Amino acid sequence: MKFNPAIPIYLQIMDSLEKDIVTGTLHRGERIDSVRALADKFGVNLNTMQRACSELERQGILVTQRGIGRFVTEDDAVISSLKKAMTRQIVEEFKNGMKSIGHSNSDIVKIISEALKE
């Protein structure tokens, strides 16, 4: 994974794991790799990976079963809320980008409508 130097690495790792959960690459209730294995996979140090996992756990996206490991939450409401938040962020970034090049709200709606017809 290539990291953006302007964004903390642990946040980028969180985003990647969240996307995997929302898209179903990581399934509800699935056990995730150990922090050490994830750190190797992402090419980061253990502390960075631990911070990302701890934050995801704090948000209820991951749950720990003592002595067994970390698992993706099975709570549909948490995953649905995560998907909505990710959607809002994508839409907001798109909207701001379109407005920054001079498009009005009606222009944006028209462009999206046309793109969806293709």
PDB file of N, CA and C in Angstrom:
ATOM      1  N   MET A   1       0.848  -1.177   0.000  1.00  0.00           N
ATOM      2  CA  MET A   1       0.000   0.000   0.000  1.00  0.00           C
ATOM      3  C   MET A   1       0.889   1.234   0.000  1.00  0.00           C
ATOM      4  N   LYS A   2       0.579   2.178  -0.879  1.00  0.00           N
ATOM      5  CA  LYS A   2       1.305   3.445  -0.905  1.00  0.00           C
ATOM      6  C   LYS A   2       0.583   4.413   0.015  1.00  0.00           C
ATOM      7  N   PHE A   3       1.342   5.041   0.886  1.00  0.00           N
ATOM      8  CA  PHE A   3       0.762   5.958   1.853  1.00  0.00           C
ATOM      9  C   PHE A   3       0.931   7.398   1.419  1.00  0.00           C
ATOM     10  N   ASN A   4      -0.092   8.202   1.715  1.00  0.00           N
ATOM     11  CA  ASN A   4      -0.059   9.637   1.459  1.00  0.00           C
ATOM     12  C   ASN A   4       0.658  10.285   2.637  1.00  0.00           C
ATOM     13  N   PRO A   5       1.773  10.983   2.388  1.00  0.00           N
ATOM     14  CA  PRO A   5       2.529  11.568   3.497  1.00  0.00           C
ATOM     15  C   PRO A   5       1.784  12.684   4.247  1.00  0.00           C
ATOM     16  N   ALA A   6       0.703  13.185   3.682  1.00  0.00           N
ATOM     17  CA  ALA A   6      -0.042  14.272   4.312  1.00  0.00           C
ATOM     18  C   ALA A   6      -1.078  13.767   5.325  1.00  0.00           C
ATOM     19  N   ILE A   7      -1.317  12.449   5.344  1.00  0.00           N
ATOM     20  CA  ILE A   7      -2.333  11.861   6.222  1.00  0.00           C
ATOM     21  C   ILE A   7      -1.654  10.827   7.117  1.00  0.00           C
ATOM     22  N   PRO A   8      -1.941  10.854   8.425  1.00  0.00           N
ATOM     23  CA  PRO A   8      -1.325   9.858   9.310  1.00  0.00           C
ATOM     24  C   PRO A   8      -1.555   8.432   8.797  1.00  0.00           C
ATOM     25  N   ILE A   9      -0.522   7.616   8.874  1.00  0.00           N
ATOM     26  CA  ILE A   9      -0.567   6.264   8.332  1.00  0.00           C
ATOM     27  C   ILE A   9      -1.654   5.428   8.994  1.00  0.00           C
ATOM     28  N   TYR A  10      -1.820   5.564  10.311  1.00  0.00           N
ATOM     29  CA  TYR A  10      -2.819   4.731  10.976  1.00  0.00           C
ATOM     30  C   TYR A  10      -4.228   5.035  10.464  1.00  0.00           C
ATOM     31  N   LEU A  11      -4.491   6.298  10.090  1.00  0.00           N
ATOM     32  CA  LEU A  11      -5.801   6.650   9.529  1.00  0.00           C
ATOM     33  C   LEU A  11      -5.993   6.017   8.155  1.00  0.00           C
ATOM     34  N   GLN A  12      -4.930   5.967   7.367  1.00  0.00           N
ATOM     35  CA  GLN A  12      -5.016   5.348   6.047  1.00  0.00           C
ATOM     36  C   GLN A  12      -5.237   3.838   6.165  1.00  0.00           C
ATOM     37  N   ILE A  13      -4.620   3.223   7.159  1.00  0.00           N
ATOM     38  CA  ILE A  13      -4.825   1.798   7.402  1.00  0.00           C
ATOM     39  C   ILE A  13      -6.268   1.557   7.841  1.00  0.00           C
ATOM     40  N   MET A  14      -6.765   2.406   8.738  1.00  0.00           N
ATOM     41  CA  MET A  14      -8.155   2.296   9.177  1.00  0.00           C
ATOM     42  C   MET A  14      -9.102   2.392   7.987  1.00  0.00           C
ATOM     43  N   ASP A  15      -8.864   3.364   7.114  1.00  0.00           N
ATOM     44  CA  ASP A  15      -9.699   3.521   5.923  1.00  0.00           C
ATOM     45  C   ASP A  15      -9.688   2.262   5.065  1.00  0.00           C
ATOM     46  N   SER A  16      -8.518   1.667   4.893  1.00  0.00           N
ATOM     47  CA  SER A  16      -8.398   0.462   4.085  1.00  0.00           C
ATOM     48  C   SER A  16      -9.181  -0.698   4.709  1.00  0.00           C
ATOM     49  N   LEU A  17      -9.040  -0.879   6.006  1.00  0.00           N
ATOM     50  CA  LEU A  17      -9.762  -1.954   6.690  1.00  0.00           C
ATOM     51  C   LEU A  17     -11.268  -1.693   6.678  1.00  0.00           C
ATOM     52  N   GLU A  18     -11.661  -0.447   6.888  1.00  0.00           N
ATOM     53  CA  GLU A  18     -13.086  -0.101   6.845  1.00  0.00           C
ATOM     54  C   GLU A  18     -13.674  -0.390   5.463  1.00  0.00           C
ATOM     55  N   LYS A  19     -12.934  -0.054   4.427  1.00  0.00           N
ATOM     56  CA  LYS A  19     -13.410  -0.315   3.067  1.00  0.00           C
ATOM     57  C   LYS A  19     -13.563  -1.821   2.840  1.00  0.00           C
ATOM     58  N   ASP A  20     -12.607  -2.599   3.339  1.00  0.00           N
ATOM     59  CA  ASP A  20     -12.694  -4.056   3.210  1.00  0.00           C
ATOM     60  C   ASP A  20     -13.921  -4.605   3.935  1.00  0.00           C
ATOM     61  N   ILE A  21     -14.268  -3.999   5.061  1.00  0.00           N
ATOM     62  CA  ILE A  21     -15.436  -4.448   5.820  1.00  0.00           C
ATOM     63  C   ILE A  21     -16.722  -4.070   5.093  1.00  0.00           C
ATOM     64  N   VAL A  22     -16.805  -2.830   4.633  1.00  0.00           N
ATOM     65  CA  VAL A  22     -18.019  -2.341   3.965  1.00  0.00           C
ATOM     66  C   VAL A  22     -18.267  -3.097   2.655  1.00  0.00           C
ATOM     67  N   THR A  23     -17.216  -3.413   1.940  1.00  0.00           N
ATOM     68  CA  THR A  23     -17.374  -4.101   0.649  1.00  0.00           C
ATOM     69  C   THR A  23     -17.524  -5.611   0.789  1.00  0.00           C
ATOM     70  N   GLY A  24     -17.307  -6.122   2.002  1.00  0.00           N
ATOM     71  CA  GLY A  24     -17.458  -7.551   2.224  1.00  0.00           C
ATOM     72  C   GLY A  24     -16.199  -8.358   2.001  1.00  0.00           C
ATOM     73  N   THR A  25     -15.091  -7.699   1.712  1.00  0.00           N
ATOM     74  CA  THR A  25     -13.822  -8.418   1.603  1.00  0.00           C
ATOM     75  C   THR A  25     -13.489  -9.059   2.951  1.00  0.00           C
ATOM     76  N   LEU A  26     -13.759  -8.309   4.028  1.00  0.00           N
ATOM     77  CA  LEU A  26     -13.725  -8.857   5.386  1.00  0.00           C
ATOM     78  C   LEU A  26     -15.174  -9.005   5.822  1.00  0.00           C
ATOM     79  N   HIS A  27     -15.582 -10.207   6.148  1.00  0.00           N
ATOM     80  CA  HIS A  27     -16.981 -10.492   6.460  1.00  0.00           C
ATOM     81  C   HIS A  27     -17.304 -10.244   7.927  1.00  0.00           C
ATOM     82  N   ARG A  28     -18.579  -9.988   8.186  1.00  0.00           N
ATOM     83  CA  ARG A  28     -19.060  -9.843   9.557  1.00  0.00           C
ATOM     84  C   ARG A  28     -18.667 -11.079  10.355  1.00  0.00           C
ATOM     85  N   GLY A  29     -18.097 -10.855  11.526  1.00  0.00           N
ATOM     86  CA  GLY A  29     -17.715 -11.961  12.394  1.00  0.00           C
ATOM     87  C   GLY A  29     -16.412 -12.645  12.031  1.00  0.00           C
ATOM     88  N   GLU A  30     -15.779 -12.216  10.951  1.00  0.00           N
ATOM     89  CA  GLU A  30     -14.531 -12.853  10.506  1.00  0.00           C
ATOM     90  C   GLU A  30     -13.370 -12.452  11.409  1.00  0.00           C
ATOM     91  N   ARG A  31     -12.545 -13.412  11.723  1.00  0.00           N
ATOM     92  CA  ARG A  31     -11.334 -13.139  12.507  1.00  0.00           C
ATOM     93  C   ARG A  31     -10.326 -12.455  11.594  1.00  0.00           C
ATOM     94  N   ILE A  32      -9.732 -11.374  12.097  1.00  0.00           N
ATOM     95  CA  ILE A  32      -8.715 -10.696  11.302  1.00  0.00           C
ATOM     96  C   ILE A  32      -7.332 -11.178  11.739  1.00  0.00           C
ATOM     97  N   ASP A  33      -6.354 -10.932  10.899  1.00  0.00           N
ATOM     98  CA  ASP A  33      -4.981 -11.327  11.208  1.00  0.00           C
ATOM     99  C   ASP A  33      -4.498 -10.641  12.476  1.00  0.00           C
ATOM    100  N   SER A  34      -3.448 -11.185  13.049  1.00  0.00           N
ATOM    101  CA  SER A  34      -2.838 -10.582  14.236  1.00  0.00           C
ATOM    102  C   SER A  34      -2.251  -9.219  13.871  1.00  0.00           C
ATOM    103  N   VAL A  35      -2.013  -8.419  14.877  1.00  0.00           N
ATOM    104  CA  VAL A  35      -1.411  -7.100  14.653  1.00  0.00           C
ATOM    105  C   VAL A  35      -0.069  -7.253  13.943  1.00  0.00           C
ATOM    106  N   ARG A  36       0.692  -8.237  14.350  1.00  0.00           N
ATOM    107  CA  ARG A  36       2.003  -8.471  13.723  1.00  0.00           C
ATOM    108  C   ARG A  36       1.853  -8.814  12.238  1.00  0.00           C
ATOM    109  N   ALA A  37       0.913  -9.695  11.915  1.00  0.00           N
ATOM    110  CA  ALA A  37       0.696 -10.082  10.515  1.00  0.00           C
ATOM    111  C   ALA A  37       0.174  -8.897   9.704  1.00  0.00           C
ATOM    112  N   LEU A  38      -0.722  -8.117  10.285  1.00  0.00           N
ATOM    113  CA  LEU A  38      -1.226  -6.935   9.583  1.00  0.00           C
ATOM    114  C   LEU A  38      -0.126  -5.897   9.378  1.00  0.00           C
ATOM    115  N   ALA A  39       0.730  -5.724  10.389  1.00  0.00           N
ATOM    116  CA  ALA A  39       1.842  -4.775  10.258  1.00  0.00           C
ATOM    117  C   ALA A  39       2.753  -5.193   9.110  1.00  0.00           C
ATOM    118  N   ASP A  40       3.012  -6.495   8.995  1.00  0.00           N
ATOM    119  CA  ASP A  40       3.829  -6.999   7.883  1.00  0.00           C
ATOM    120  C   ASP A  40       3.123  -6.763   6.553  1.00  0.00           C
ATOM    121  N   LYS A  41       1.825  -7.043   6.515  1.00  0.00           N
ATOM    122  CA  LYS A  41       1.046  -6.880   5.282  1.00  0.00           C
ATOM    123  C   LYS A  41       1.062  -5.430   4.797  1.00  0.00           C
ATOM    124  N   PHE A  42       0.886  -4.487   5.727  1.00  0.00           N
ATOM    125  CA  PHE A  42       0.845  -3.071   5.367  1.00  0.00           C
ATOM    126  C   PHE A  42       2.236  -2.430   5.320  1.00  0.00           C
ATOM    127  N   GLY A  43       3.242  -3.127   5.828  1.00  0.00           N
ATOM    128  CA  GLY A  43       4.606  -2.594   5.817  1.00  0.00           C
ATOM    129  C   GLY A  43       4.800  -1.458   6.802  1.00  0.00           C
ATOM    130  N   VAL A  44       4.192  -1.588   7.989  1.00  0.00           N
ATOM    131  CA  VAL A  44       4.307  -0.551   9.020  1.00  0.00           C
ATOM    132  C   VAL A  44       4.789  -1.188  10.317  1.00  0.00           C
ATOM    133  N   ASN A  45       5.149  -0.336  11.284  1.00  0.00           N
ATOM    134  CA  ASN A  45       5.592  -0.893  12.554  1.00  0.00           C
ATOM    135  C   ASN A  45       4.400  -1.320  13.409  1.00  0.00           C
ATOM    136  N   LEU A  46       4.676  -2.120  14.402  1.00  0.00           N
ATOM    137  CA  LEU A  46       3.617  -2.689  15.244  1.00  0.00           C
ATOM    138  C   LEU A  46       2.794  -1.617  15.952  1.00  0.00           C
ATOM    139  N   ASN A  47       3.454  -0.557  16.419  1.00  0.00           N
ATOM    140  CA  ASN A  47       2.733   0.494  17.140  1.00  0.00           C
ATOM    141  C   ASN A  47       1.698   1.178  16.255  1.00  0.00           C
ATOM    142  N   THR A  48       2.044   1.417  15.003  1.00  0.00           N
ATOM    143  CA  THR A  48       1.110   2.043  14.062  1.00  0.00           C
ATOM    144  C   THR A  48      -0.085   1.134  13.824  1.00  0.00           C
ATOM    145  N   MET A  49       0.176  -0.151  13.622  1.00  0.00           N
ATOM    146  CA  MET A  49      -0.903  -1.101  13.377  1.00  0.00           C
ATOM    147  C   MET A  49      -1.773  -1.257  14.615  1.00  0.00           C
ATOM    148  N   GLN A  50      -1.151  -1.306  15.783  1.00  0.00           N
ATOM    149  CA  GLN A  50      -1.902  -1.423  17.029  1.00  0.00           C
ATOM    150  C   GLN A  50      -2.815  -0.211  17.226  1.00  0.00           C
ATOM    151  N   ARG A  51      -2.316   0.965  16.874  1.00  0.00           N
ATOM    152  CA  ARG A  51      -3.121   2.182  17.008  1.00  0.00           C
ATOM    153  C   ARG A  51      -4.344   2.120  16.096  1.00  0.00           C
ATOM    154  N   ALA A  52      -4.158   1.671  14.855  1.00  0.00           N
ATOM    155  CA  ALA A  52      -5.275   1.556  13.911  1.00  0.00           C
ATOM    156  C   ALA A  52      -6.307   0.556  14.429  1.00  0.00           C
ATOM    157  N   CYS A  53      -5.856  -0.601  14.882  1.00  0.00           N
ATOM    158  CA  CYS A  53      -6.778  -1.631  15.372  1.00  0.00           C
ATOM    159  C   CYS A  53      -7.487  -1.181  16.644  1.00  0.00           C
ATOM    160  N   SER A  54      -6.771  -0.533  17.536  1.00  0.00           N
ATOM    161  CA  SER A  54      -7.379  -0.055  18.776  1.00  0.00           C
ATOM    162  C   SER A  54      -8.456   0.978  18.496  1.00  0.00           C
ATOM    163  N   GLU A  55      -8.209   1.849  17.538  1.00  0.00           N
ATOM    164  CA  GLU A  55      -9.207   2.866  17.190  1.00  0.00           C
ATOM    165  C   GLU A  55     -10.437   2.217  16.547  1.00  0.00           C
ATOM    166  N   LEU A  56     -10.228   1.246  15.690  1.00  0.00           N
ATOM    167  CA  LEU A  56     -11.360   0.535  15.085  1.00  0.00           C
ATOM    168  C   LEU A  56     -12.153  -0.216  16.158  1.00  0.00           C
ATOM    169  N   GLU A  57     -11.452  -0.723  17.148  1.00  0.00           N
ATOM    170  CA  GLU A  57     -12.136  -1.402  18.256  1.00  0.00           C
ATOM    171  C   GLU A  57     -12.913  -0.389  19.101  1.00  0.00           C
ATOM    172  N   ARG A  58     -12.323   0.761  19.349  1.00  0.00           N
ATOM    173  CA  ARG A  58     -12.990   1.805  20.119  1.00  0.00           C
ATOM    174  C   ARG A  58     -14.290   2.230  19.431  1.00  0.00           C
ATOM    175  N   GLN A  59     -14.282   2.226  18.097  1.00  0.00           N
ATOM    176  CA  GLN A  59     -15.459   2.614  17.324  1.00  0.00           C
ATOM    177  C   GLN A  59     -16.470   1.472  17.183  1.00  0.00           C
ATOM    178  N   GLY A  60     -16.119   0.294  17.676  1.00  0.00           N
ATOM    179  CA  GLY A  60     -17.033  -0.839  17.614  1.00  0.00           C
ATOM    180  C   GLY A  60     -16.996  -1.595  16.299  1.00  0.00           C
ATOM    181  N   ILE A  61     -16.042  -1.260  15.443  1.00  0.00           N
ATOM    182  CA  ILE A  61     -15.935  -1.913  14.135  1.00  0.00           C
ATOM    183  C   ILE A  61     -15.241  -3.271  14.272  1.00  0.00           C
ATOM    184  N   LEU A  62     -14.264  -3.330  15.154  1.00  0.00           N
ATOM    185  CA  LEU A  62     -13.609  -4.586  15.504  1.00  0.00           C
ATOM    186  C   LEU A  62     -13.939  -4.905  16.961  1.00  0.00           C
ATOM    187  N   VAL A  63     -13.989  -6.170  17.276  1.00  0.00           N
ATOM    188  CA  VAL A  63     -14.202  -6.603  18.660  1.00  0.00           C
ATOM    189  C   VAL A  63     -13.145  -7.644  19.000  1.00  0.00           C
ATOM    190  N   THR A  64     -12.680  -7.600  20.247  1.00  0.00           N
ATOM    191  CA  THR A  64     -11.669  -8.542  20.693  1.00  0.00           C
ATOM    192  C   THR A  64     -12.298  -9.589  21.586  1.00  0.00           C
ATOM    193  N   GLN A  65     -11.954 -10.832  21.325  1.00  0.00           N
ATOM    194  CA  GLN A  65     -12.317 -11.925  22.213  1.00  0.00           C
ATOM    195  C   GLN A  65     -11.014 -12.379  22.867  1.00  0.00           C
ATOM    196  N   ARG A  66     -10.926 -12.103  24.131  1.00  0.00           N
ATOM    197  CA  ARG A  66      -9.687 -12.355  24.865  1.00  0.00           C
ATOM    198  C   ARG A  66      -9.177 -13.779  24.623  1.00  0.00           C
ATOM    199  N   GLY A  67      -7.908 -13.858  24.265  1.00  0.00           N
ATOM    200  CA  GLY A  67      -7.274 -15.144  24.045  1.00  0.00           C
ATOM    201  C   GLY A  67      -7.544 -15.763  22.681  1.00  0.00           C
ATOM    202  N   ILE A  68      -8.453 -15.154  21.908  1.00  0.00           N
ATOM    203  CA  ILE A  68      -8.783 -15.713  20.594  1.00  0.00           C
ATOM    204  C   ILE A  68      -8.327 -14.788  19.474  1.00  0.00           C
ATOM    205  N   GLY A  69      -8.617 -13.493  19.610  1.00  0.00           N
ATOM    206  CA  GLY A  69      -8.196 -12.533  18.600  1.00  0.00           C
ATOM    207  C   GLY A  69      -9.245 -11.471  18.348  1.00  0.00           C
ATOM    208  N   ARG A  70      -9.003 -10.705  17.296  1.00  0.00           N
ATOM    209  CA  ARG A  70      -9.929  -9.633  16.901  1.00  0.00           C
ATOM    210  C   ARG A  70     -10.797 -10.114  15.758  1.00  0.00           C
ATOM    211  N   PHE A  71     -12.035  -9.630  15.791  1.00  0.00           N
ATOM    212  CA  PHE A  71     -13.022 -10.023  14.795  1.00  0.00           C
ATOM    213  C   PHE A  71     -13.748  -8.785  14.278  1.00  0.00           C
ATOM    214  N   VAL A  72     -14.230  -8.873  13.052  1.00  0.00           N
ATOM    215  CA  VAL A  72     -15.089  -7.837  12.501  1.00  0.00           C
ATOM    216  C   VAL A  72     -16.418  -7.927  13.254  1.00  0.00           C
ATOM    217  N   THR A  73     -16.967  -6.780  13.601  1.00  0.00           N
ATOM    218  CA  THR A  73     -18.246  -6.774  14.303  1.00  0.00           C
ATOM    219  C   THR A  73     -19.321  -7.491  13.494  1.00  0.00           C
ATOM    220  N   GLU A  74     -20.277  -8.052  14.194  1.00  0.00           N
ATOM    221  CA  GLU A  74     -21.428  -8.658  13.532  1.00  0.00           C
ATOM    222  C   GLU A  74     -22.630  -7.725  13.601  1.00  0.00           C
ATOM    223  N   ASP A  75     -22.429  -6.554  14.170  1.00  0.00           N
ATOM    224  CA  ASP A  75     -23.505  -5.577  14.356  1.00  0.00           C
ATOM    225  C   ASP A  75     -23.790  -4.860  13.035  1.00  0.00           C
ATOM    226  N   ASP A  76     -24.934  -5.188  12.428  1.00  0.00           N
ATOM    227  CA  ASP A  76     -25.309  -4.585  11.148  1.00  0.00           C
ATOM    228  C   ASP A  76     -25.425  -3.065  11.244  1.00  0.00           C
ATOM    229  N   ALA A  77     -25.893  -2.555  12.386  1.00  0.00           N
ATOM    230  CA  ALA A  77     -26.054  -1.109  12.558  1.00  0.00           C
ATOM    231  C   ALA A  77     -24.704  -0.397  12.494  1.00  0.00           C
ATOM    232  N   VAL A  78     -23.678  -0.991  13.075  1.00  0.00           N
ATOM    233  CA  VAL A  78     -22.337  -0.387  13.050  1.00  0.00           C
ATOM    234  C   VAL A  78     -21.809  -0.356  11.622  1.00  0.00           C
ATOM    235  N   ILE A  79     -21.954  -1.452  10.908  1.00  0.00           N
ATOM    236  CA  ILE A  79     -21.446  -1.518   9.527  1.00  0.00           C
ATOM    237  C   ILE A  79     -22.252  -0.591   8.622  1.00  0.00           C
ATOM    238  N   SER A  80     -23.548  -0.546   8.809  1.00  0.00           N
ATOM    239  CA  SER A  80     -24.396   0.362   8.026  1.00  0.00           C
ATOM    240  C   SER A  80     -24.020   1.815   8.284  1.00  0.00           C
ATOM    241  N   SER A  81     -23.798   2.158   9.533  1.00  0.00           N
ATOM    242  CA  SER A  81     -23.391   3.520   9.899  1.00  0.00           C
ATOM    243  C   SER A  81     -22.037   3.866   9.278  1.00  0.00           C
ATOM    244  N   LEU A  82     -21.118   2.910   9.293  1.00  0.00           N
ATOM    245  CA  LEU A  82     -19.803   3.104   8.681  1.00  0.00           C
ATOM    246  C   LEU A  82     -19.941   3.354   7.188  1.00  0.00           C
ATOM    247  N   LYS A  83     -20.782   2.577   6.529  1.00  0.00           N
ATOM    248  CA  LYS A  83     -20.983   2.737   5.082  1.00  0.00           C
ATOM    249  C   LYS A  83     -21.579   4.113   4.771  1.00  0.00           C
ATOM    250  N   LYS A  84     -22.549   4.544   5.580  1.00  0.00           N
ATOM    251  CA  LYS A  84     -23.151   5.865   5.379  1.00  0.00           C
ATOM    252  C   LYS A  84     -22.126   6.969   5.562  1.00  0.00           C
ATOM    253  N   ALA A  85     -21.281   6.858   6.580  1.00  0.00           N
ATOM    254  CA  ALA A  85     -20.252   7.871   6.823  1.00  0.00           C
ATOM    255  C   ALA A  85     -19.255   7.921   5.671  1.00  0.00           C
ATOM    256  N   MET A  86     -18.860   6.758   5.160  1.00  0.00           N
ATOM    257  CA  MET A  86     -17.933   6.711   4.037  1.00  0.00           C
ATOM    258  C   MET A  86     -18.569   7.319   2.796  1.00  0.00           C
ATOM    259  N   THR A  87     -19.843   7.029   2.585  1.00  0.00           N
ATOM    260  CA  THR A  87     -20.576   7.580   1.437  1.00  0.00           C
ATOM    261  C   THR A  87     -20.646   9.096   1.527  1.00  0.00           C
ATOM    262  N   ARG A  88     -20.996   9.606   2.707  1.00  0.00           N
ATOM    263  CA  ARG A  88     -21.067  11.065   2.888  1.00  0.00           C
ATOM    264  C   ARG A  88     -19.730  11.725   2.587  1.00  0.00           C
ATOM    265  N   GLN A  89     -18.648  11.103   3.043  1.00  0.00           N
ATOM    266  CA  GLN A  89     -17.314  11.670   2.816  1.00  0.00           C
ATOM    267  C   GLN A  89     -16.989  11.714   1.317  1.00  0.00           C
ATOM    268  N   ILE A  90     -17.280  10.638   0.609  1.00  0.00           N
ATOM    269  CA  ILE A  90     -17.009  10.591  -0.832  1.00  0.00           C
ATOM    270  C   ILE A  90     -17.827  11.655  -1.561  1.00  0.00           C
ATOM    271  N   VAL A  91     -19.111  11.753  -1.215  1.00  0.00           N
ATOM    272  CA  VAL A  91     -19.992  12.728  -1.864  1.00  0.00           C
ATOM    273  C   VAL A  91     -19.532  14.152  -1.557  1.00  0.00           C
ATOM    274  N   GLU A  92     -19.164  14.406  -0.322  1.00  0.00           N
ATOM    275  CA  GLU A  92     -18.719  15.750   0.069  1.00  0.00           C
ATOM    276  C   GLU A  92     -17.448  16.146  -0.691  1.00  0.00           C
ATOM    277  N   GLU A  93     -16.500  15.226  -0.796  1.00  0.00           N
ATOM    278  CA  GLU A  93     -15.263  15.505  -1.537  1.00  0.00           C
ATOM    279  C   GLU A  93     -15.564  15.774  -3.012  1.00  0.00           C
ATOM    280  N   PHE A  94     -16.464  14.965  -3.597  1.00  0.00           N
ATOM    281  CA  PHE A  94     -16.840  15.148  -4.990  1.00  0.00           C
ATOM    282  C   PHE A  94     -17.515  16.505  -5.181  1.00  0.00           C
ATOM    283  N   LYS A  95     -18.472  16.803  -4.317  1.00  0.00           N
ATOM    284  CA  LYS A  95     -19.212  18.066  -4.409  1.00  0.00           C
ATOM    285  C   LYS A  95     -18.258  19.259  -4.298  1.00  0.00           C
ATOM    286  N   ASN A  96     -17.357  19.217  -3.333  1.00  0.00           N
ATOM    287  CA  ASN A  96     -16.407  20.318  -3.158  1.00  0.00           C
ATOM    288  C   ASN A  96     -15.490  20.459  -4.370  1.00  0.00           C
ATOM    289  N   GLY A  97     -15.068  19.337  -4.921  1.00  0.00           N
ATOM    290  CA  GLY A  97     -14.232  19.378  -6.119  1.00  0.00           C
ATOM    291  C   GLY A  97     -14.958  19.986  -7.305  1.00  0.00           C
ATOM    292  N   MET A  98     -16.207  19.602  -7.487  1.00  0.00           N
ATOM    293  CA  MET A  98     -17.007  20.141  -8.595  1.00  0.00           C
ATOM    294  C   MET A  98     -17.262  21.635  -8.402  1.00  0.00           C
ATOM    295  N   LYS A  99     -17.565  22.042  -7.174  1.00  0.00           N
ATOM    296  CA  LYS A  99     -17.806  23.466  -6.913  1.00  0.00           C
ATOM    297  C   LYS A  99     -16.527  24.279  -7.097  1.00  0.00           C
ATOM    298  N   SER A 100     -15.385  23.660  -6.781  1.00  0.00           N
ATOM    299  CA  SER A 100     -14.119  24.388  -6.905  1.00  0.00           C
ATOM    300  C   SER A 100     -13.764  24.690  -8.360  1.00  0.00           C
ATOM    301  N   ILE A 101     -14.364  23.946  -9.299  1.00  0.00           N
ATOM    302  CA  ILE A 101     -14.110  24.245 -10.716  1.00  0.00           C
ATOM    303  C   ILE A 101     -15.303  24.950 -11.357  1.00  0.00           C
ATOM    304  N   GLY A 102     -16.214  25.436 -10.505  1.00  0.00           N
ATOM    305  CA  GLY A 102     -17.253  26.321 -10.995  1.00  0.00           C
ATOM    306  C   GLY A 102     -18.612  25.720 -11.280  1.00  0.00           C
ATOM    307  N   HIS A 103     -18.862  24.486 -10.892  1.00  0.00           N
ATOM    308  CA  HIS A 103     -20.167  23.879 -11.150  1.00  0.00           C
ATOM    309  C   HIS A 103     -21.166  24.254 -10.054  1.00  0.00           C
ATOM    310  N   SER A 104     -22.414  24.480 -10.474  1.00  0.00           N
ATOM    311  CA  SER A 104     -23.502  24.728  -9.523  1.00  0.00           C
ATOM    312  C   SER A 104     -24.093  23.384  -9.096  1.00  0.00           C
ATOM    313  N   ASN A 105     -24.964  23.419  -8.090  1.00  0.00           N
ATOM    314  CA  ASN A 105     -25.618  22.184  -7.661  1.00  0.00           C
ATOM    315  C   ASN A 105     -26.390  21.532  -8.804  1.00  0.00           C
ATOM    316  N   SER A 106     -27.095  22.336  -9.601  1.00  0.00           N
ATOM    317  CA  SER A 106     -27.862  21.768 -10.706  1.00  0.00           C
ATOM    318  C   SER A 106     -26.939  21.172 -11.767  1.00  0.00           C
ATOM    319  N   ASP A 107     -25.781  21.797 -11.993  1.00  0.00           N
ATOM    320  CA  ASP A 107     -24.794  21.220 -12.921  1.00  0.00           C
ATOM    321  C   ASP A 107     -24.336  19.848 -12.428  1.00  0.00           C
ATOM    322  N   ILE A 108     -24.065  19.772 -11.141  1.00  0.00           N
ATOM    323  CA  ILE A 108     -23.568  18.525 -10.552  1.00  0.00           C
ATOM    324  C   ILE A 108     -24.609  17.423 -10.708  1.00  0.00           C
ATOM    325  N   VAL A 109     -25.871  17.737 -10.416  1.00  0.00           N
ATOM    326  CA  VAL A 109     -26.942  16.748 -10.543  1.00  0.00           C
ATOM    327  C   VAL A 109     -27.051  16.282 -11.987  1.00  0.00           C
ATOM    328  N   LYS A 110     -26.981  17.212 -12.929  1.00  0.00           N
ATOM    329  CA  LYS A 110     -27.088  16.874 -14.341  1.00  0.00           C
ATOM    330  C   LYS A 110     -25.925  15.974 -14.770  1.00  0.00           C
ATOM    331  N   ILE A 111     -24.727  16.311 -14.347  1.00  0.00           N
ATOM    332  CA  ILE A 111     -23.545  15.524 -14.703  1.00  0.00           C
ATOM    333  C   ILE A 111     -23.655  14.104 -14.151  1.00  0.00           C
ATOM    334  N   ILE A 112     -24.085  13.989 -12.902  1.00  0.00           N
ATOM    335  CA  ILE A 112     -24.231  12.658 -12.292  1.00  0.00           C
ATOM    336  C   ILE A 112     -25.320  11.864 -13.018  1.00  0.00           C
ATOM    337  N   SER A 113     -26.447  12.506 -13.295  1.00  0.00           N
ATOM    338  CA  SER A 113     -27.533  11.822 -14.007  1.00  0.00           C
ATOM    339  C   SER A 113     -27.075  11.285 -15.348  1.00  0.00           C
ATOM    340  N   GLU A 114     -26.333  12.109 -16.084  1.00  0.00           N
ATOM    341  CA  GLU A 114     -25.817  11.684 -17.382  1.00  0.00           C
ATOM    342  C   GLU A 114     -24.822  10.540 -17.236  1.00  0.00           C
ATOM    343  N   ALA A 115     -23.980  10.631 -16.233  1.00  0.00           N
ATOM    344  CA  ALA A 115     -22.973   9.583 -16.035  1.00  0.00           C
ATOM    345  C   ALA A 115     -23.619   8.250 -15.672  1.00  0.00           C
ATOM    346  N   LEU A 116     -24.708   8.302 -14.905  1.00  0.00           N
ATOM    347  CA  LEU A 116     -25.388   7.063 -14.503  1.00  0.00           C
ATOM    348  C   LEU A 116     -26.123   6.411 -15.667  1.00  0.00           C
ATOM    349  N   LYS A 117     -26.448   7.182 -16.685  1.00  0.00           N
ATOM    350  CA  LYS A 117     -27.131   6.642 -17.868  1.00  0.00           C
ATOM    351  C   LYS A 117     -26.153   5.893 -18.772  1.00  0.00           C
ATOM    352  N   GLU A 118     -24.884   6.182 -18.655  1.00  0.00           N
ATOM    353  CA  GLU A 118     -23.870   5.571 -19.535  1.00  0.00           C
ATOM    354  C   GLU A 118     -23.630   4.129 -19.184  1.00  0.00           C
TER     355      GLU A 118
END
